[in-house]
């Protein structure tokens, strides 16, 4: 998982919007057959986008800059 502890909070808030947009775009695309999707490069890209978004969220929560849940 990416480490964002060295990034300023203001920059993370900007990256959060970008990361969510990338995640949402990839998560809502039609994927066709689920079995072939899991083996596709798009599946890996979605996994990386999800990890990036979650890592930014976790770092912001640690800093008390955002609350989720």
N, C-alpha and C. Protein backbone atom coordinates (compact mmCIF):
# COMPACT_ATOMS: atom_id res chain seq x y z
N UNK A 1 0.85 -1.17 0.00
CA UNK A 1 0.00 0.00 0.00
C UNK A 1 0.89 1.23 0.00
N UNK A 2 0.52 2.26 -0.76
CA UNK A 2 1.33 3.47 -0.81
C UNK A 2 1.43 4.16 0.55
N UNK A 3 2.55 4.83 0.76
CA UNK A 3 2.79 5.55 2.01
C UNK A 3 2.71 7.05 1.72
N UNK A 4 1.78 7.73 2.35
CA UNK A 4 1.59 9.16 2.14
C UNK A 4 1.93 9.98 3.38
N UNK A 5 2.72 9.44 4.28
CA UNK A 5 3.04 10.15 5.52
C UNK A 5 3.92 11.38 5.28
N UNK A 6 4.62 11.43 4.17
CA UNK A 6 5.51 12.55 3.88
C UNK A 6 4.83 13.67 3.10
N UNK A 7 3.58 13.49 2.71
CA UNK A 7 2.86 14.45 1.88
C UNK A 7 2.07 15.39 2.77
N UNK A 8 2.05 16.68 2.41
CA UNK A 8 1.30 17.67 3.19
C UNK A 8 -0.20 17.38 3.13
N UNK A 9 -0.90 17.78 4.18
CA UNK A 9 -2.34 17.54 4.26
C UNK A 9 -3.09 18.20 3.11
N UNK A 10 -2.72 19.43 2.77
CA UNK A 10 -3.40 20.14 1.67
C UNK A 10 -3.25 19.38 0.36
N UNK A 11 -2.06 18.84 0.13
CA UNK A 11 -1.81 18.08 -1.09
C UNK A 11 -2.61 16.78 -1.07
N UNK A 12 -2.69 16.15 0.10
CA UNK A 12 -3.46 14.91 0.21
C UNK A 12 -4.94 15.14 -0.08
N UNK A 13 -5.47 16.26 0.37
CA UNK A 13 -6.88 16.55 0.10
C UNK A 13 -7.13 16.70 -1.39
N UNK A 14 -6.17 17.30 -2.11
CA UNK A 14 -6.30 17.41 -3.56
C UNK A 14 -6.18 16.03 -4.21
N UNK A 15 -5.22 15.24 -3.72
CA UNK A 15 -5.03 13.89 -4.27
C UNK A 15 -6.23 13.01 -3.99
N UNK A 16 -6.93 13.27 -2.89
CA UNK A 16 -8.11 12.47 -2.55
C UNK A 16 -9.16 12.57 -3.64
N UNK A 17 -9.42 13.77 -4.13
CA UNK A 17 -10.40 13.95 -5.20
C UNK A 17 -9.97 13.22 -6.46
N UNK A 18 -8.69 13.34 -6.81
CA UNK A 18 -8.18 12.66 -8.00
C UNK A 18 -8.26 11.14 -7.85
N UNK A 19 -7.88 10.66 -6.67
CA UNK A 19 -7.88 9.22 -6.42
C UNK A 19 -9.30 8.67 -6.46
N UNK A 20 -10.26 9.41 -5.89
CA UNK A 20 -11.63 8.93 -5.91
C UNK A 20 -12.17 8.92 -7.33
N UNK A 21 -11.87 9.95 -8.11
CA UNK A 21 -12.33 10.00 -9.49
C UNK A 21 -11.80 8.82 -10.29
N UNK A 22 -10.52 8.51 -10.12
CA UNK A 22 -9.91 7.38 -10.82
C UNK A 22 -10.55 6.07 -10.37
N UNK A 23 -10.71 5.90 -9.07
CA UNK A 23 -11.33 4.70 -8.53
C UNK A 23 -12.77 4.55 -9.06
N UNK A 24 -13.55 5.61 -8.99
CA UNK A 24 -14.95 5.56 -9.41
C UNK A 24 -15.06 5.24 -10.89
N UNK A 25 -14.21 5.87 -11.71
CA UNK A 25 -14.24 5.64 -13.15
C UNK A 25 -13.95 4.17 -13.46
N UNK A 26 -12.97 3.62 -12.77
CA UNK A 26 -12.61 2.21 -13.02
C UNK A 26 -13.65 1.25 -12.44
N UNK A 27 -14.23 1.58 -11.29
CA UNK A 27 -15.17 0.67 -10.62
C UNK A 27 -16.52 0.61 -11.31
N UNK A 28 -16.87 1.66 -12.04
CA UNK A 28 -18.20 1.69 -12.66
C UNK A 28 -18.18 1.36 -14.14
N UNK A 29 -17.03 1.00 -14.67
CA UNK A 29 -16.95 0.59 -16.08
C UNK A 29 -17.57 -0.78 -16.25
N UNK A 30 -18.25 -1.00 -17.36
CA UNK A 30 -18.74 -2.35 -17.64
C UNK A 30 -17.55 -3.28 -17.85
N UNK A 31 -17.58 -4.42 -17.22
CA UNK A 31 -16.42 -5.32 -17.29
C UNK A 31 -16.70 -6.60 -18.06
N UNK A 32 -17.90 -6.80 -18.51
CA UNK A 32 -18.19 -8.03 -19.25
C UNK A 32 -18.22 -9.22 -18.33
N UNK A 33 -17.57 -10.28 -18.74
CA UNK A 33 -17.54 -11.52 -17.99
C UNK A 33 -16.65 -11.37 -16.76
N UNK A 34 -17.18 -11.65 -15.59
CA UNK A 34 -16.44 -11.49 -14.35
C UNK A 34 -15.19 -12.34 -14.26
N UNK A 35 -15.24 -13.54 -14.83
CA UNK A 35 -14.08 -14.42 -14.77
C UNK A 35 -12.91 -13.88 -15.58
N UNK A 36 -13.19 -13.33 -16.75
CA UNK A 36 -12.10 -12.79 -17.56
C UNK A 36 -11.64 -11.45 -17.00
N UNK A 37 -12.52 -10.72 -16.35
CA UNK A 37 -12.13 -9.43 -15.76
C UNK A 37 -11.07 -9.63 -14.69
N UNK A 38 -11.22 -10.64 -13.85
CA UNK A 38 -10.27 -10.87 -12.77
C UNK A 38 -8.86 -11.14 -13.28
N UNK A 39 -8.74 -11.65 -14.48
CA UNK A 39 -7.44 -11.95 -15.05
C UNK A 39 -6.91 -10.81 -15.93
N UNK A 40 -7.68 -9.76 -16.08
CA UNK A 40 -7.31 -8.69 -17.01
C UNK A 40 -6.44 -7.62 -16.33
N UNK A 41 -5.71 -6.85 -17.13
CA UNK A 41 -4.93 -5.74 -16.59
C UNK A 41 -5.82 -4.68 -15.93
N UNK A 42 -7.04 -4.55 -16.40
CA UNK A 42 -7.97 -3.57 -15.81
C UNK A 42 -8.29 -3.93 -14.37
N UNK A 43 -8.34 -5.20 -14.06
CA UNK A 43 -8.56 -5.63 -12.69
C UNK A 43 -7.43 -5.17 -11.78
N UNK A 44 -6.21 -5.30 -12.27
CA UNK A 44 -5.04 -4.86 -11.49
C UNK A 44 -5.06 -3.34 -11.33
N UNK A 45 -5.46 -2.62 -12.36
CA UNK A 45 -5.54 -1.16 -12.29
C UNK A 45 -6.59 -0.74 -11.26
N UNK A 46 -7.72 -1.44 -11.24
CA UNK A 46 -8.75 -1.14 -10.25
C UNK A 46 -8.24 -1.42 -8.84
N UNK A 47 -7.50 -2.49 -8.68
CA UNK A 47 -6.93 -2.83 -7.37
C UNK A 47 -5.96 -1.74 -6.90
N UNK A 48 -5.11 -1.27 -7.80
CA UNK A 48 -4.16 -0.20 -7.45
C UNK A 48 -4.88 1.10 -7.13
N UNK A 49 -5.93 1.43 -7.89
CA UNK A 49 -6.70 2.64 -7.64
C UNK A 49 -7.39 2.57 -6.28
N UNK A 50 -7.91 1.40 -5.94
CA UNK A 50 -8.56 1.21 -4.64
C UNK A 50 -7.56 1.35 -3.51
N UNK A 51 -6.38 0.74 -3.65
CA UNK A 51 -5.35 0.85 -2.62
C UNK A 51 -4.89 2.29 -2.43
N UNK A 52 -4.74 3.00 -3.54
CA UNK A 52 -4.31 4.40 -3.46
C UNK A 52 -5.35 5.24 -2.71
N UNK A 53 -6.61 5.09 -3.09
CA UNK A 53 -7.69 5.84 -2.45
C UNK A 53 -7.77 5.52 -0.96
N UNK A 54 -7.70 4.23 -0.61
CA UNK A 54 -7.79 3.84 0.80
C UNK A 54 -6.58 4.33 1.60
N UNK A 55 -5.40 4.33 1.00
CA UNK A 55 -4.20 4.81 1.70
C UNK A 55 -4.30 6.30 2.00
N UNK A 56 -4.80 7.07 1.04
CA UNK A 56 -4.98 8.51 1.26
C UNK A 56 -6.01 8.74 2.35
N UNK A 57 -7.11 8.01 2.31
CA UNK A 57 -8.14 8.15 3.35
C UNK A 57 -7.58 7.82 4.73
N UNK A 58 -6.84 6.73 4.83
CA UNK A 58 -6.26 6.34 6.12
C UNK A 58 -5.31 7.40 6.66
N UNK A 59 -4.49 7.97 5.78
CA UNK A 59 -3.54 9.00 6.22
C UNK A 59 -4.28 10.25 6.69
N UNK A 60 -5.34 10.64 6.00
CA UNK A 60 -6.11 11.81 6.41
C UNK A 60 -6.81 11.57 7.75
N UNK A 61 -7.30 10.37 7.97
CA UNK A 61 -7.94 10.04 9.25
C UNK A 61 -6.91 10.08 10.36
N UNK A 62 -5.69 9.56 10.12
CA UNK A 62 -4.63 9.60 11.13
C UNK A 62 -4.32 11.03 11.54
N UNK A 63 -4.39 11.94 10.58
CA UNK A 63 -4.08 13.35 10.85
C UNK A 63 -5.29 14.12 11.37
N UNK A 64 -6.41 13.47 11.53
CA UNK A 64 -7.66 14.10 11.94
C UNK A 64 -8.09 15.20 10.96
N UNK A 65 -7.70 15.04 9.71
CA UNK A 65 -8.10 16.01 8.67
C UNK A 65 -9.41 15.62 8.02
N UNK A 66 -9.84 14.37 8.22
CA UNK A 66 -11.09 13.89 7.64
C UNK A 66 -11.64 12.78 8.52
N UNK A 67 -12.94 12.59 8.45
CA UNK A 67 -13.57 11.52 9.19
C UNK A 67 -14.39 10.68 8.21
N UNK A 68 -14.28 9.39 8.34
CA UNK A 68 -15.03 8.46 7.51
C UNK A 68 -15.72 7.45 8.40
N UNK A 69 -16.89 7.05 7.94
CA UNK A 69 -17.59 5.99 8.64
C UNK A 69 -18.59 6.42 9.61
